[in-house]
C-alpha atoms as a PDB file:
ATOM      1  CA  MET A   1     -13.428   4.720  -6.510  1.00  0.00           C
ATOM      2  CA  ASP A   2     -12.726   1.014  -6.807  1.00  0.00           C
ATOM      3  CA  ASP A   3     -10.725   0.956  -3.576  1.00  0.00           C
ATOM      4  CA  LEU A   4     -13.561   2.477  -1.557  1.00  0.00           C
ATOM      5  CA  ARG A   5     -15.988   0.093   0.061  1.00  0.00           C
ATOM      6  CA  LEU A   6     -19.142   1.982   1.017  1.00  0.00           C
ATOM      7  CA  GLU A   7     -21.591  -0.021   3.086  1.00  0.00           C
ATOM      8  CA  PHE A   8     -24.162   2.687   2.382  1.00  0.00           C
ATOM      9  CA  ARG A   9     -24.124   6.339   1.342  1.00  0.00           C
ATOM     10  CA  PRO A  10     -25.268   8.629   4.154  1.00  0.00           C
ATOM     11  CA  GLU A  11     -27.430  11.622   3.290  1.00  0.00           C
ATOM     12  CA  LEU A  12     -25.427  14.607   4.448  1.00  0.00           C
ATOM     13  CA  ASP A  13     -25.779  18.373   4.142  1.00  0.00           C
ATOM     14  CA  SER A  14     -22.450  20.127   3.399  1.00  0.00           C
ATOM     15  CA  PRO A  15     -20.606  18.008   5.975  1.00  0.00           C
ATOM     16  CA  LEU A  16     -17.315  18.777   7.659  1.00  0.00           C
ATOM     17  CA  LEU A  17     -14.451  16.274   7.383  1.00  0.00           C
ATOM     18  CA  PHE A  18     -12.213  15.453  10.351  1.00  0.00           C
ATOM     19  CA  MET A  19      -9.309  13.075   9.792  1.00  0.00           C
ATOM     20  CA  ALA A  20      -6.271  11.590  11.500  1.00  0.00           C
ATOM     21  CA  TYR A  21      -3.770   8.902  10.525  1.00  0.00           C
ATOM     22  CA  ARG A  22      -1.767   6.416  12.545  1.00  0.00           C
ATOM     23  CA  GLY A  23       1.947   6.403  11.872  1.00  0.00           C
ATOM     24  CA  TRP A  24       4.363   9.237  11.120  1.00  0.00           C
ATOM     25  CA  ASN A  25       1.681  11.903  11.627  1.00  0.00           C
ATOM     26  CA  ASP A  26       0.535  10.575  15.011  1.00  0.00           C
ATOM     27  CA  ALA A  27       3.126  10.885  17.788  1.00  0.00           C
ATOM     28  CA  GLY A  28       1.811   9.389  20.997  1.00  0.00           C
ATOM     29  CA  SER A  29      -1.335   8.243  19.152  1.00  0.00           C
ATOM     30  CA  SER A  30      -2.584  11.737  19.997  1.00  0.00           C
ATOM     31  CA  ALA A  31      -4.366  12.604  16.746  1.00  0.00           C
ATOM     32  CA  THR A  32      -6.105   9.273  16.171  1.00  0.00           C
ATOM     33  CA  HIS A  33      -7.110   9.141  19.838  1.00  0.00           C
ATOM     34  CA  ALA A  34      -8.714  12.572  19.427  1.00  0.00           C
ATOM     35  CA  VAL A  35     -10.749  11.558  16.361  1.00  0.00           C
ATOM     36  CA  GLU A  36     -11.702   8.229  17.959  1.00  0.00           C
ATOM     37  CA  TYR A  37     -12.982  10.280  20.880  1.00  0.00           C
ATOM     38  CA  LEU A  38     -15.028  12.462  18.524  1.00  0.00           C
ATOM     39  CA  VAL A  39     -16.555   9.363  16.909  1.00  0.00           C
ATOM     40  CA  LYS A  40     -17.576   8.115  20.349  1.00  0.00           C
ATOM     41  CA  LYS A  41     -18.892  11.416  21.708  1.00  0.00           C
ATOM     42  CA  LEU A  42     -20.723  12.415  18.515  1.00  0.00           C
ATOM     43  CA  GLY A  43     -22.234   8.967  17.995  1.00  0.00           C
ATOM     44  CA  GLY A  44     -20.470   8.366  14.682  1.00  0.00           C
ATOM     45  CA  GLU A  45     -21.662   5.450  12.555  1.00  0.00           C
ATOM     46  CA  ARG A  46     -19.322   3.647  10.171  1.00  0.00           C
ATOM     47  CA  PHE A  47     -20.417   3.745   6.554  1.00  0.00           C
ATOM     48  CA  GLY A  48     -17.332   2.640   4.653  1.00  0.00           C
ATOM     49  CA  TYR A  49     -13.643   1.894   4.494  1.00  0.00           C
ATOM     50  CA  LEU A  50     -10.734   1.915   2.088  1.00  0.00           C
ATOM     51  CA  ASP A  51      -9.388  -1.409   0.820  1.00  0.00           C
ATOM     52  CA  HIS A  52      -5.986  -1.921   2.429  1.00  0.00           C
ATOM     53  CA  GLU A  53      -4.493  -4.214  -0.228  1.00  0.00           C
ATOM     54  CA  GLU A  54      -3.218  -1.511  -2.610  1.00  0.00           C
ATOM     55  CA  TYR A  55      -1.636   0.860  -0.107  1.00  0.00           C
ATOM     56  CA  TYR A  56       0.464  -1.027   2.428  1.00  0.00           C
ATOM     57  CA  ASP A  57       3.693  -2.934   2.693  1.00  0.00           C
ATOM     58  CA  PHE A  58       2.616  -5.629   5.113  1.00  0.00           C
ATOM     59  CA  THR A  59       6.187  -6.227   6.217  1.00  0.00           C
ATOM     60  CA  GLN A  60       6.046  -2.715   7.702  1.00  0.00           C
ATOM     61  CA  ALA A  61       2.409  -2.609   8.815  1.00  0.00           C
ATOM     62  CA  ARG A  62       1.802  -6.224   9.679  1.00  0.00           C
ATOM     63  CA  PRO A  63      -1.720  -7.485  10.295  1.00  0.00           C
ATOM     64  CA  TYR A  64      -2.600  -8.133  13.918  1.00  0.00           C
ATOM     65  CA  THR A  65      -3.822 -11.563  14.986  1.00  0.00           C
ATOM     66  CA  ARG A  66      -5.736 -12.680  18.053  1.00  0.00           C
ATOM     67  CA  PRO A  67      -7.561 -15.876  19.063  1.00  0.00           C
ATOM     68  CA  THR A  68     -11.362 -15.810  18.926  1.00  0.00           C
ATOM     69  CA  SER A  69     -11.848 -19.424  20.015  1.00  0.00           C
ATOM     70  CA  GLU A  70      -9.742 -22.485  20.651  1.00  0.00           C
ATOM     71  CA  TYR A  71      -9.231 -23.187  16.930  1.00  0.00           C
ATOM     72  CA  GLN A  72      -9.907 -19.851  15.266  1.00  0.00           C
ATOM     73  CA  ARG A  73      -8.071 -16.549  14.987  1.00  0.00           C
ATOM     74  CA  GLU A  74      -9.001 -13.077  13.743  1.00  0.00           C
ATOM     75  CA  LEU A  75      -6.802 -10.902  11.529  1.00  0.00           C
ATOM     76  CA  THR A  76      -6.948  -7.100  11.703  1.00  0.00           C
ATOM     77  CA  TRP A  77      -5.433  -5.195   8.773  1.00  0.00           C
ATOM     78  CA  PRO A  78      -4.337  -1.544   8.574  1.00  0.00           C
ATOM     79  CA  LYS A  79      -7.541   0.467   8.656  1.00  0.00           C
ATOM     80  CA  ASN A  80      -9.022   3.491   6.924  1.00  0.00           C
ATOM     81  CA  GLU A  81     -12.574   3.755   8.213  1.00  0.00           C
ATOM     82  CA  PHE A  82     -15.186   6.429   7.532  1.00  0.00           C
ATOM     83  CA  TYR A  83     -17.875   7.463  10.011  1.00  0.00           C
ATOM     84  CA  TYR A  84     -20.615  10.063   9.847  1.00  0.00           C
ATOM     85  CA  THR A  85     -22.698  11.992  12.313  1.00  0.00           C
ATOM     86  CA  HIS A  86     -25.537  14.505  12.161  1.00  0.00           C
ATOM     87  CA  ASP A  87     -24.613  16.022  15.515  1.00  0.00           C
ATOM     88  CA  ALA A  88     -21.348  17.947  15.120  1.00  0.00           C
ATOM     89  CA  GLY A  89     -22.433  21.264  16.592  1.00  0.00           C
ATOM     90  CA  GLY A  90     -25.670  21.050  14.632  1.00  0.00           C
ATOM     91  CA  ARG A  91     -23.809  20.156  11.428  1.00  0.00           C
ATOM     92  CA  ASP A  92     -23.156  16.951   9.567  1.00  0.00           C
ATOM     93  CA  ALA A  93     -19.639  15.539   9.671  1.00  0.00           C
ATOM     94  CA  VAL A  94     -17.538  12.743   8.226  1.00  0.00           C
ATOM     95  CA  LEU A  95     -14.713  11.355  10.344  1.00  0.00           C
ATOM     96  CA  LEU A  96     -11.770   9.352   9.009  1.00  0.00           C
ATOM     97  CA  ILE A  97      -9.472   7.289  11.209  1.00  0.00           C
ATOM     98  CA  GLY A  98      -6.753   5.914   8.965  1.00  0.00           C
ATOM     99  CA  THR A  99      -3.270   4.494   8.745  1.00  0.00           C
ATOM    100  CA  GLU A 100      -0.737   6.406   6.666  1.00  0.00           C
ATOM    101  CA  PRO A 101      -0.231   4.389   3.449  1.00  0.00           C
ATOM    102  CA  HIS A 102       3.170   3.222   2.247  1.00  0.00           C
ATOM    103  CA  LEU A 103       2.265   3.070  -1.449  1.00  0.00           C
ATOM    104  CA  ARG A 104       0.305   4.913  -4.166  1.00  0.00           C
ATOM    105  CA  TRP A 105      -0.234   8.181  -2.309  1.00  0.00           C
ATOM    106  CA  ARG A 106      -1.622   9.974  -5.363  1.00  0.00           C
ATOM    107  CA  ARG A 107      -4.153   7.223  -5.952  1.00  0.00           C
ATOM    108  CA  TYR A 108      -5.038   7.290  -2.272  1.00  0.00           C
ATOM    109  CA  GLY A 109      -5.504  11.071  -2.439  1.00  0.00           C
ATOM    110  CA  GLN A 110      -7.648  10.796  -5.565  1.00  0.00           C
ATOM    111  CA  ASN A 111      -9.981   8.417  -3.739  1.00  0.00           C
ATOM    112  CA  MET A 112     -10.225  10.852  -0.843  1.00  0.00           C
ATOM    113  CA  VAL A 113     -10.996  13.748  -3.197  1.00  0.00           C
ATOM    114  CA  ARG A 114     -13.674  11.795  -5.055  1.00  0.00           C
ATOM    115  CA  LEU A 115     -15.348  10.750  -1.827  1.00  0.00           C
ATOM    116  CA  ALA A 116     -15.223  14.319  -0.504  1.00  0.00           C
ATOM    117  CA  GLN A 117     -16.795  15.637  -3.703  1.00  0.00           C
ATOM    118  CA  ASP A 118     -19.443  12.920  -3.740  1.00  0.00           C
ATOM    119  CA  LEU A 119     -20.448  13.655  -0.144  1.00  0.00           C
ATOM    120  CA  GLY A 120     -20.329  17.427  -0.630  1.00  0.00           C
ATOM    121  CA  ILE A 121     -17.635  18.078   1.982  1.00  0.00           C
ATOM    122  CA  SER A 122     -17.629  21.810   2.759  1.00  0.00           C
ATOM    123  CA  GLN A 123     -14.454  21.992   4.861  1.00  0.00           C
ATOM    124  CA  ALA A 124     -11.818  19.530   6.065  1.00  0.00           C
ATOM    125  CA  LEU A 125      -9.608  19.609   9.132  1.00  0.00           C
ATOM    126  CA  ALA A 126      -6.763  17.167   9.781  1.00  0.00           C
ATOM    127  CA  LEU A 127      -5.214  16.436  13.160  1.00  0.00           C
ATOM    128  CA  GLY A 128      -1.570  15.484  13.549  1.00  0.00           C
ATOM    129  CA  ALA A 129       1.057  15.137  16.262  1.00  0.00           C
ATOM    130  CA  LEU A 130       4.836  15.349  16.176  1.00  0.00           C
ATOM    131  CA  LEU A 131       7.744  14.707  18.504  1.00  0.00           C
ATOM    132  CA  ALA A 132       9.404  17.838  19.816  1.00  0.00           C
ATOM    133  CA  ASP A 133      11.801  19.145  22.456  1.00  0.00           C
ATOM    134  CA  THR A 134       8.935  20.290  24.640  1.00  0.00           C
ATOM    135  CA  PRO A 135       8.632  19.417  28.340  1.00  0.00           C
ATOM    136  CA  HIS A 136       5.507  17.709  29.629  1.00  0.00           C
ATOM    137  CA  THR A 137       5.254  20.436  32.289  1.00  0.00           C
ATOM    138  CA  ARG A 138       4.242  23.083  29.735  1.00  0.00           C
ATOM    139  CA  PRO A 139       0.888  23.445  27.960  1.00  0.00           C
ATOM    140  CA  VAL A 140       0.765  21.424  24.748  1.00  0.00           C
ATOM    141  CA  PRO A 141       2.128  23.576  21.888  1.00  0.00           C
ATOM    142  CA  LEU A 142      -0.280  23.697  18.948  1.00  0.00           C
ATOM    143  CA  SER A 143       0.147  25.005  15.431  1.00  0.00           C
ATOM    144  CA  GLY A 144      -1.357  24.406  12.021  1.00  0.00           C
ATOM    145  CA  GLY A 145      -2.252  25.903   8.712  1.00  0.00           C
ATOM    146  CA  ALA A 146      -5.048  26.418   6.207  1.00  0.00           C
ATOM    147  CA  SER A 147      -5.586  26.466   2.458  1.00  0.00           C
ATOM    148  CA  THR A 148      -7.632  29.690   2.367  1.00  0.00           C
ATOM    149  CA  PRO A 149      -7.384  33.096   4.075  1.00  0.00           C
ATOM    150  CA  ASP A 150     -10.826  32.705   5.658  1.00  0.00           C
ATOM    151  CA  PHE A 151      -9.988  29.340   7.205  1.00  0.00           C
ATOM    152  CA  ALA A 152      -6.584  30.636   8.316  1.00  0.00           C
ATOM    153  CA  GLN A 153      -8.394  33.462  10.104  1.00  0.00           C
ATOM    154  CA  GLN A 154     -10.693  30.947  11.843  1.00  0.00           C
ATOM    155  CA  LEU A 155      -7.651  29.115  13.167  1.00  0.00           C
ATOM    156  CA  SER A 156      -5.761  32.280  14.050  1.00  0.00           C
ATOM    157  CA  VAL A 157      -8.592  33.452  16.305  1.00  0.00           C
ATOM    158  CA  ILE A 158      -7.970  30.454  18.582  1.00  0.00           C
ATOM    159  CA  GLY A 159      -4.199  30.809  18.423  1.00  0.00           C
ATOM    160  CA  ILE A 160      -3.443  28.301  15.656  1.00  0.00           C
ATOM    161  CA  ASN A 161      -1.036  29.940  13.232  1.00  0.00           C
ATOM    162  CA  GLY A 162       0.676  28.721  10.088  1.00  0.00           C
ATOM    163  CA  SER A 163       4.381  28.370   9.456  1.00  0.00           C
ATOM    164  CA  GLY A 164       6.937  28.486   6.691  1.00  0.00           C
ATOM    165  CA  TYR A 165       7.982  24.869   7.197  1.00  0.00           C
ATOM    166  CA  GLU A 166       9.788  23.269   4.261  1.00  0.00           C
ATOM    167  CA  GLY A 167      10.828  19.609   4.269  1.00  0.00           C
ATOM    168  CA  PRO A 168       9.568  16.011   4.401  1.00  0.00           C
ATOM    169  CA  THR A 169       5.846  15.688   4.901  1.00  0.00           C
ATOM    170  CA  GLY A 170       3.122  13.108   5.431  1.00  0.00           C
ATOM    171  CA  ILE A 171      -0.172  11.976   3.997  1.00  0.00           C
ATOM    172  CA  LEU A 172      -2.047  14.819   5.733  1.00  0.00           C
ATOM    173  CA  SER A 173      -0.281  17.377   3.558  1.00  0.00           C
ATOM    174  CA  VAL A 174      -0.768  15.323   0.404  1.00  0.00           C
ATOM    175  CA  VAL A 175      -4.505  14.873   0.935  1.00  0.00           C
ATOM    176  CA  GLY A 176      -4.836  18.524   1.996  1.00  0.00           C
ATOM    177  CA  SER A 177      -3.111  19.756  -1.156  1.00  0.00           C
ATOM    178  CA  MET A 178      -5.310  17.581  -3.360  1.00  0.00           C
ATOM    179  CA  LEU A 179      -8.478  18.786  -1.635  1.00  0.00           C
ATOM    180  CA  ALA A 180      -7.359  22.395  -2.099  1.00  0.00           C
ATOM    181  CA  GLU A 181      -6.805  21.797  -5.816  1.00  0.00           C
ATOM    182  CA  VAL A 182     -10.519  21.012  -6.249  1.00  0.00           C
ATOM    183  CA  GLY A 183     -11.632  23.956  -4.109  1.00  0.00           C
ATOM    184  CA  ILE A 184     -12.303  22.231  -0.777  1.00  0.00           C
ATOM    185  CA  ALA A 185     -11.026  24.465   2.021  1.00  0.00           C
ATOM    186  CA  ASN A 186      -8.932  22.513   4.489  1.00  0.00           C
ATOM    187  CA  GLY A 187      -6.584  23.022   7.390  1.00  0.00           C
ATOM    188  CA  SER A 188      -4.626  21.194  10.055  1.00  0.00           C
ATOM    189  CA  ILE A 189      -3.914  21.321  13.760  1.00  0.00           C
ATOM    190  CA  TRP A 190      -0.695  19.790  15.077  1.00  0.00           C
ATOM    191  CA  ALA A 191       0.177  19.020  18.691  1.00  0.00           C
ATOM    192  CA  ALA A 192       3.790  18.841  19.846  1.00  0.00           C
ATOM    193  CA  VAL A 193       4.431  15.777  22.013  1.00  0.00           C
ATOM    194  CA  PRO A 194       7.439  15.417  24.352  1.00  0.00           C
ATOM    195  CA  HIS A 195       9.835  13.092  22.551  1.00  0.00           C
ATOM    196  CA  TYR A 196      10.789  11.273  25.744  1.00  0.00           C
ATOM    197  CA  ILE A 197       7.278   9.847  26.223  1.00  0.00           C
ATOM    198  CA  SER A 198       6.424   9.227  22.588  1.00  0.00           C
ATOM    199  CA  ALA A 199       5.482   5.542  22.638  1.00  0.00           C
ATOM    200  CA  THR A 200       2.452   5.830  24.909  1.00  0.00           C
ATOM    201  CA  PRO A 201      -0.992   7.319  24.214  1.00  0.00           C
ATOM    202  CA  ASN A 202      -0.874  11.018  25.103  1.00  0.00           C
ATOM    203  CA  PRO A 203      -4.345  12.198  26.162  1.00  0.00           C
ATOM    204  CA  ARG A 204      -2.935  15.645  27.075  1.00  0.00           C
ATOM    205  CA  ALA A 205      -2.226  16.295  23.405  1.00  0.00           C
ATOM    206  CA  SER A 206      -5.529  14.719  22.358  1.00  0.00           C
ATOM    207  CA  ILE A 207      -7.622  16.914  24.625  1.00  0.00           C
ATOM    208  CA  ALA A 208      -5.726  20.024  23.523  1.00  0.00           C
ATOM    209  CA  MET A 209      -6.767  19.353  19.926  1.00  0.00           C
ATOM    210  CA  VAL A 210     -10.337  18.353  20.830  1.00  0.00           C
ATOM    211  CA  ARG A 211     -10.797  21.613  22.725  1.00  0.00           C
ATOM    212  CA  GLN A 212      -9.671  23.581  19.685  1.00  0.00           C
ATOM    213  CA  LEU A 213     -12.138  21.730  17.464  1.00  0.00           C
ATOM    214  CA  ASP A 214     -14.854  22.463  20.002  1.00  0.00           C
ATOM    215  CA  GLN A 215     -14.034  26.179  19.832  1.00  0.00           C
ATOM    216  CA  ILE A 216     -14.010  26.291  16.035  1.00  0.00           C
ATOM    217  CA  TYR A 217     -17.195  24.326  15.440  1.00  0.00           C
ATOM    218  CA  ASN A 218     -19.163  24.739  18.704  1.00  0.00           C
ATOM    219  CA  LEU A 219     -19.440  20.986  19.133  1.00  0.00           C
ATOM    220  CA  GLY A 220     -20.768  21.285  22.686  1.00  0.00           C
ATOM    221  CA  LEU A 221     -18.585  18.438  23.912  1.00  0.00           C
ATOM    222  CA  ILE A 222     -18.415  17.438  27.574  1.00  0.00           C
ATOM    223  CA  VAL A 223     -14.865  16.160  27.884  1.00  0.00           C
ATOM    224  CA  ALA A 224     -14.696  15.174  31.562  1.00  0.00           C
ATOM    225  CA  ASP A 225     -13.737  11.593  30.697  1.00  0.00           C
ATOM    226  CA  LEU A 226     -10.889  12.708  28.433  1.00  0.00           C
ATOM    227  CA  GLU A 227      -9.757  15.173  31.103  1.00  0.00           C
ATOM    228  CA  ALA A 228      -9.673  12.274  33.577  1.00  0.00           C
ATOM    229  CA  GLN A 229      -7.479  10.289  31.174  1.00  0.00           C
ATOM    230  CA  ALA A 230      -5.126  13.264  30.913  1.00  0.00           C
ATOM    231  CA  GLU A 231      -4.924  13.597  34.709  1.00  0.00           C
ATOM    232  CA  VAL A 232      -4.029   9.922  35.122  1.00  0.00           C
ATOM    233  CA  TYR A 233      -1.450  10.247  32.378  1.00  0.00           C
ATOM    234  CA  GLU A 234       0.107  13.340  33.979  1.00  0.00           C
ATOM    235  CA  ALA A 235       0.322  11.559  37.341  1.00  0.00           C
ATOM    236  CA  GLN A 236       2.027   8.555  35.735  1.00  0.00           C
ATOM    237  CA  VAL A 237       4.566  10.738  33.941  1.00  0.00           C
ATOM    238  CA  GLU A 238       5.296  12.688  37.119  1.00  0.00           C
ATOM    239  CA  ALA A 239       5.805   9.434  39.042  1.00  0.00           C
ATOM    240  CA  ALA A 240       8.221   8.226  36.384  1.00  0.00           C
ATOM    241  CA  ILE A 241      10.214  11.469  36.357  1.00  0.00           C
ATOM    242  CA  SER A 242      10.318  11.832  40.139  1.00  0.00           C
ATOM    243  CA  GLY A 243      11.941   8.419  40.448  1.00  0.00           C
ATOM    244  CA  ASN A 244      14.933   9.342  38.296  1.00  0.00           C
ATOM    245  CA  PRO A 245      17.219  12.315  39.121  1.00  0.00           C
ATOM    246  CA  GLU A 246      18.671  12.335  35.585  1.00  0.00           C
ATOM    247  CA  ALA A 247      15.159  12.518  34.137  1.00  0.00           C
ATOM    248  CA  GLN A 248      14.310  15.410  36.464  1.00  0.00           C
ATOM    249  CA  GLN A 249      17.394  17.302  35.327  1.00  0.00           C
ATOM    250  CA  TYR A 250      16.630  16.597  31.682  1.00  0.00           C
ATOM    251  CA  VAL A 251      13.131  18.066  32.051  1.00  0.00           C
ATOM    252  CA  ARG A 252      14.541  21.130  33.825  1.00  0.00           C
ATOM    253  CA  ASP A 253      16.990  21.607  30.941  1.00  0.00           C
ATOM    254  CA  LEU A 254      14.119  21.412  28.463  1.00  0.00           C
ATOM    255  CA  GLU A 255      12.145  23.954  30.478  1.00  0.00           C
ATOM    256  CA  MET A 256      15.077  26.363  30.443  1.00  0.00           C
ATOM    257  CA  GLN A 257      15.615  25.808  26.713  1.00  0.00           C
ATOM    258  CA  ASN A 258      11.965  26.558  26.009  1.00  0.00           C
ATOM    259  CA  LEU A 259      12.045  29.708  28.127  1.00  0.00           C
ATOM    260  CA  ALA A 260      15.071  30.930  26.199  1.00  0.00           C
ATOM    261  CA  GLU A 261      13.454  30.395  22.792  1.00  0.00           C
ATOM    262  CA  PRO A 262      10.367  31.877  21.143  1.00  0.00           C
ATOM    263  CA  ASP A 263       7.654  29.361  20.354  1.00  0.00           C
ATOM    264  CA  ASP A 264       8.661  27.493  17.212  1.00  0.00           C
ATOM    265  CA  PRO A 265       6.037  28.182  14.521  1.00  0.00           C
ATOM    266  CA  ALA A 266       7.207  25.268  12.365  1.00  0.00           C
ATOM    267  CA  LEU A 267       5.133  22.611  14.088  1.00  0.00           C
ATOM    268  CA  ASP A 268       3.224  21.459  11.019  1.00  0.00           C
ATOM    269  CA  SER A 269       5.347  18.390  10.363  1.00  0.00           C
ATOM    270  CA  PRO A 270       7.048  15.682  12.417  1.00  0.00           C
ATOM    271  CA  ALA A 271      10.329  17.010  11.011  1.00  0.00           C
ATOM    272  CA  SER A 272      10.175  20.191  13.077  1.00  0.00           C
ATOM    273  CA  SER A 273      13.127  22.522  13.017  1.00  0.00           C
ATOM    274  CA  GLU A 274      15.435  23.081  15.970  1.00  0.00           C
ATOM    275  CA  THR A 275      16.646  26.579  16.637  1.00  0.00           C
ATOM    276  CA  SER A 276      19.185  25.821  19.375  1.00  0.00           C
ATOM    277  CA  GLU A 277      21.826  23.305  20.371  1.00  0.00           C
ATOM    278  CA  PRO A 278      20.036  20.000  21.159  1.00  0.00           C
ATOM    279  CA  LEU A 279      20.337  18.408  24.570  1.00  0.00           C
ATOM    280  CA  ASP A 280      22.700  15.467  25.014  1.00  0.00           C
ATOM    281  CA  ALA A 281      21.437  12.569  22.867  1.00  0.00           C
ATOM    282  CA  SER A 282      22.750   9.780  25.109  1.00  0.00           C
ATOM    283  CA  GLN A 283      21.056  11.365  28.117  1.00  0.00           C
ATOM    284  CA  ALA A 284      17.792  11.575  26.179  1.00  0.00           C
ATOM    285  CA  GLU A 285      17.978   7.960  25.019  1.00  0.00           C
ATOM    286  CA  GLY A 286      18.434   6.623  28.549  1.00  0.00           C
ATOM    287  CA  MET A 287      15.601   8.771  29.849  1.00  0.00           C
ATOM    288  CA  ILE A 288      13.235   7.689  27.085  1.00  0.00           C
ATOM    289  CA  GLN A 289      13.845   4.024  27.864  1.00  0.00           C
ATOM    290  CA  PHE A 290      13.327   4.573  31.580  1.00  0.00           C
ATOM    291  CA  VAL A 291      10.121   6.596  31.243  1.00  0.00           C
ATOM    292  CA  GLU A 292       8.605   4.341  28.590  1.00  0.00           C
ATOM    293  CA  GLU A 293       9.260   1.203  30.633  1.00  0.00           C
ATOM    294  CA  PHE A 294       7.771   2.809  33.728  1.00  0.00           C
ATOM    295  CA  LEU A 295       4.618   3.828  31.856  1.00  0.00           C
ATOM    296  CA  ARG A 296       4.233   0.387  30.269  1.00  0.00           C
ATOM    297  CA  ARG A 297       4.300  -1.169  33.722  1.00  0.00           C
ATOM    298  CA  GLN A 298       1.769   1.362  34.997  1.00  0.00           C
ATOM    299  CA  GLN A 299      -0.569   0.612  32.104  1.00  0.00           C
ATOM    300  CA  GLY A 300      -0.245  -3.134  32.412  1.00  0.00           C
ATOM    301  CA  GLY A 301       1.751  -3.560  29.227  1.00  0.00           C
ATOM    302  CA  ASN A 302      -1.239  -2.869  26.976  1.00  0.00           C
ATOM    303  CA  ASP A 303       0.084  -0.926  23.999  1.00  0.00           C
ATOM    304  CA  ARG A 304      -2.350   0.695  21.620  1.00  0.00           C
ATOM    305  CA  GLU A 305      -2.728  -0.932  18.223  1.00  0.00           C
ATOM    306  CA  ARG A 306      -0.724   0.962  15.619  1.00  0.00           C
END
């Protein structure tokens, strides 16, 4: 585990593993925002990280710089940070907030497997988010999958069902497959995010996933602050849509399309399938630009770090 940098090794009893990755698996920053929220609410303490040097093309994931004094600056590199807590519904847990690597996925996965085995991980659950033709006026569609029948049943009880998706995939699937190969049960929950508001943090999707985790593991979370974020977000989106007749019509078209179709079970990858004729692409592009610009102004131009 040469790429792992452990500041100390926490003493844990059959911990759970929750993980989310920035990038392709994280539309609207929904998944990473959810795990960041868990770290905060559960009092997670960082105990290690993965060395970024071997896994990233820094022309694609450039380091972020900011001044710390008149003559000094700080660099922030793509992160993969591990936290732990003893208070996840009375159980121990490890939480990973990462950035999907560009390089050496098998080596990355091997490091994850070795760490999971060393810490005695009993079960792993990954959170992801994808862009989809879903209107913001509907409840957040959720789906997922599991590596064992028992875990699949756990997810099915709360309405999270698997799919027969086949196609391009991300690091969540790679790590999940490698964990399953060594006998560590794992699953995933995916939230579908409206594609026309993809560039902004989406607390609606985040809270939908957090609530599911709370049901599965009895975390006892009080999520009033995240609910407040979601309410502000919903109000901002509604203000953006109400100011543009074309945007209003586009959302109505999406609502009608969703009523005419059964829920798509293939929401376990950002490359979700489409079962009907897509809406006009030029109309969507103009709407996306309008809504995103409106939301950036509302939020003061402060984009989340990616």
